[in-house]
């Protein structure tokens, strides 16, 4: 009988330790606008992300062509001329929410978020702060950071250089549910 109880405790503890939260409908928004020119921004509503609740490890992936622009021609130029989305179809992030603990997530809290963003096959270390809360058994995560096009080998032609910001602002808004 003791062996059965010990095995049950071990299995339960491993299940709790391996809890993962997941989304395929996360929102990633970027804005590269310069005042006095047409807005350069897009939204991707199909970002995939997973958080391992026991460690705070996080991984995210999105397909570049899933970014939607208000102007179709801008979307075409983004995919063909800047992002080379045929050759580099996705962007990824692998990192960690430092000090993350699901058990202590009783209210909205800030956690340092550090990791590696890979765009166009080029990796860049990212360090920012994520706002995380647990509502209705879902983890809500928001974060903002900025990158520069040249960080990822993106060349902006001189004819449009003044119309695109030097720093691209990226915001994340993910609602993750427990993966069963």
Protein backbone atom coordinates (compact mmCIF):
# COMPACT_ATOMS: atom_id res chain seq x y z
CA UNK A 1 0.00 0.00 0.00
CA UNK A 2 2.86 2.38 0.86
CA UNK A 3 4.41 1.74 -2.56
CA UNK A 4 1.18 2.72 -4.31
CA UNK A 5 0.92 5.96 -2.32
CA UNK A 6 4.58 6.82 -2.99
CA UNK A 7 4.14 6.15 -6.73
CA UNK A 8 0.99 8.30 -6.81
CA UNK A 9 2.79 11.17 -5.08
CA UNK A 10 5.71 10.92 -7.52
CA UNK A 11 3.40 10.90 -10.56
CA UNK A 12 1.37 13.85 -9.28
CA UNK A 13 4.49 15.87 -8.49
CA UNK A 14 5.91 15.19 -11.95
CA UNK A 15 2.63 16.24 -13.57
CA UNK A 16 2.52 19.49 -11.59
CA UNK A 17 6.18 20.21 -12.34
CA UNK A 18 5.61 19.67 -16.05
CA UNK A 19 2.62 22.02 -16.40
CA UNK A 20 2.75 23.95 -19.64
CA UNK A 21 0.61 26.84 -20.80
CA UNK A 22 0.05 27.31 -24.52
CA UNK A 23 -1.49 29.56 -27.16
CA UNK A 24 -1.82 29.59 -30.92
CA UNK A 25 -3.70 32.87 -30.97
CA UNK A 26 -1.20 35.23 -29.37
CA UNK A 27 -1.00 38.74 -30.75
CA UNK A 28 2.31 40.20 -31.89
CA UNK A 29 2.20 43.79 -33.11
CA UNK A 30 5.00 45.84 -34.58
CA UNK A 31 5.17 49.52 -35.32
CA UNK A 32 7.87 51.14 -37.43
CA UNK A 33 6.11 54.43 -38.11
CA UNK A 34 7.62 57.86 -38.43
CA UNK A 35 5.38 60.87 -37.84
CA UNK A 36 4.19 62.72 -40.96
CA UNK A 37 4.28 59.52 -43.04
CA UNK A 38 1.89 56.66 -43.60
CA UNK A 39 1.79 54.28 -40.61
CA UNK A 40 4.09 51.28 -40.94
CA UNK A 41 2.60 48.68 -38.63
CA UNK A 42 1.18 45.18 -38.70
CA UNK A 43 -0.48 42.60 -36.46
CA UNK A 44 -0.02 38.85 -36.28
CA UNK A 45 -2.91 37.16 -34.42
CA UNK A 46 -1.58 33.63 -34.77
CA UNK A 47 1.60 33.70 -32.71
CA UNK A 48 2.28 30.41 -30.95
CA UNK A 49 3.82 30.41 -27.47
CA UNK A 50 4.39 27.98 -24.63
CA UNK A 51 5.45 28.58 -21.03
CA UNK A 52 6.74 25.84 -18.77
CA UNK A 53 5.24 26.93 -15.45
CA UNK A 54 7.78 25.13 -13.27
CA UNK A 55 10.78 26.97 -14.75
CA UNK A 56 9.49 30.08 -16.52
CA UNK A 57 10.97 28.84 -19.80
CA UNK A 58 9.15 30.37 -22.75
CA UNK A 59 9.24 29.69 -26.47
CA UNK A 60 7.34 31.50 -29.20
CA UNK A 61 7.08 31.20 -32.95
CA UNK A 62 5.25 33.12 -35.62
CA UNK A 63 5.02 33.01 -39.36
CA UNK A 64 6.15 36.22 -41.01
CA UNK A 65 3.45 36.09 -43.71
CA UNK A 66 0.78 36.11 -40.97
CA UNK A 67 1.49 39.80 -40.28
CA UNK A 68 -1.41 41.80 -41.65
CA UNK A 69 -1.06 45.39 -42.83
CA UNK A 70 -3.81 47.87 -43.65
CA UNK A 71 -2.17 48.46 -47.04
CA UNK A 72 -1.76 45.35 -49.20
CA UNK A 73 1.20 46.78 -51.13
CA UNK A 74 3.02 47.45 -47.85
CA UNK A 75 2.45 43.82 -46.83
CA UNK A 76 3.81 42.60 -50.16
CA UNK A 77 6.95 44.77 -49.85
CA UNK A 78 7.44 43.65 -46.23
CA UNK A 79 7.39 39.96 -47.18
CA UNK A 80 9.30 40.15 -50.46
CA UNK A 81 11.77 43.02 -50.07
CA UNK A 82 12.54 43.23 -46.37
CA UNK A 83 11.80 39.96 -44.60
CA UNK A 84 12.45 37.50 -47.45
CA UNK A 85 9.65 35.43 -45.96
CA UNK A 86 9.96 32.72 -48.64
CA UNK A 87 13.50 32.03 -47.46
CA UNK A 88 12.90 32.85 -43.76
CA UNK A 89 9.24 31.98 -43.09
CA UNK A 90 9.23 32.27 -39.30
CA UNK A 91 10.62 34.16 -36.34
CA UNK A 92 11.28 32.50 -32.99
CA UNK A 93 11.99 33.47 -29.41
CA UNK A 94 13.44 31.21 -26.72
CA UNK A 95 13.93 32.59 -23.28
CA UNK A 96 13.01 32.67 -19.65
CA UNK A 97 10.81 34.64 -17.28
CA UNK A 98 13.32 35.17 -14.46
CA UNK A 99 11.95 34.37 -11.00
CA UNK A 100 8.64 33.11 -12.41
CA UNK A 101 6.46 31.07 -10.08
CA UNK A 102 2.90 30.08 -10.90
CA UNK A 103 2.15 29.46 -7.24
CA UNK A 104 3.04 33.06 -6.32
CA UNK A 105 1.12 34.58 -9.22
CA UNK A 106 -1.77 35.87 -7.12
CA UNK A 107 -1.84 39.27 -8.84
CA UNK A 108 -0.34 40.97 -11.87
CA UNK A 109 3.47 40.89 -11.58
CA UNK A 110 6.46 42.00 -13.57
CA UNK A 111 9.18 39.51 -14.47
CA UNK A 112 12.44 40.07 -16.32
CA UNK A 113 12.17 38.36 -19.71
CA UNK A 114 15.44 37.40 -21.36
CA UNK A 115 16.12 35.29 -24.37
CA UNK A 116 17.10 35.01 -28.00
CA UNK A 117 15.02 36.38 -30.86
CA UNK A 118 15.74 34.82 -34.25
CA UNK A 119 14.61 36.69 -37.38
CA UNK A 120 15.86 35.97 -40.90
CA UNK A 121 18.19 33.35 -39.40
CA UNK A 122 19.98 35.99 -37.29
CA UNK A 123 19.92 35.77 -33.48
CA UNK A 124 19.74 38.72 -31.10
CA UNK A 125 19.60 38.72 -27.32
CA UNK A 126 16.50 40.45 -25.95
CA UNK A 127 16.03 41.72 -22.42
CA UNK A 128 12.77 43.33 -21.32
CA UNK A 129 10.09 43.15 -18.67
CA UNK A 130 6.92 41.07 -19.03
CA UNK A 131 3.71 41.76 -17.17
CA UNK A 132 2.12 38.44 -16.20
CA UNK A 133 -1.10 37.53 -14.41
CA UNK A 134 -3.21 34.45 -13.83
CA UNK A 135 -6.92 34.95 -14.60
CA UNK A 136 -9.51 32.21 -14.96
CA UNK A 137 -6.76 29.56 -15.07
CA UNK A 138 -5.08 31.36 -18.00
CA UNK A 139 -1.71 33.08 -18.02
CA UNK A 140 -1.88 36.54 -19.56
CA UNK A 141 1.48 37.90 -20.70
CA UNK A 142 2.28 41.29 -22.20
CA UNK A 143 5.69 42.66 -23.10
CA UNK A 144 7.27 45.36 -25.24
CA UNK A 145 10.73 45.74 -26.72
CA UNK A 146 12.41 47.32 -29.72
CA UNK A 147 14.87 46.15 -32.34
CA UNK A 148 16.63 47.76 -35.26
CA UNK A 149 16.28 46.46 -38.84
CA UNK A 150 20.05 46.20 -39.24
CA UNK A 151 20.15 43.84 -36.22
CA UNK A 152 18.69 41.22 -38.57
CA UNK A 153 20.38 42.18 -41.82
CA UNK A 154 17.33 44.07 -43.11
CA UNK A 155 18.37 46.75 -45.57
CA UNK A 156 16.09 49.76 -45.94
CA UNK A 157 16.44 51.43 -49.37
CA UNK A 158 17.39 55.11 -49.22
CA UNK A 159 14.18 56.10 -51.02
CA UNK A 160 12.05 54.98 -48.04
CA UNK A 161 14.60 55.22 -45.20
CA UNK A 162 13.03 58.40 -43.77
CA UNK A 163 9.59 56.77 -43.73
CA UNK A 164 10.61 53.84 -41.52
CA UNK A 165 11.62 54.26 -37.89
CA UNK A 166 15.15 53.39 -36.80
CA UNK A 167 13.72 51.38 -33.89
CA UNK A 168 10.91 48.89 -34.52
CA UNK A 169 8.59 48.63 -31.49
CA UNK A 170 7.24 45.16 -30.86
CA UNK A 171 4.46 44.32 -28.43
CA UNK A 172 3.27 40.91 -27.30
CA UNK A 173 -0.14 40.07 -25.89
CA UNK A 174 -0.56 36.37 -25.18
CA UNK A 175 -3.27 34.49 -23.32
CA UNK A 176 -2.08 30.96 -22.59
CA UNK A 177 -4.19 28.03 -21.39
CA UNK A 178 -2.99 24.93 -19.63
CA UNK A 179 -1.85 22.29 -22.09
CA UNK A 180 -3.29 18.91 -21.19
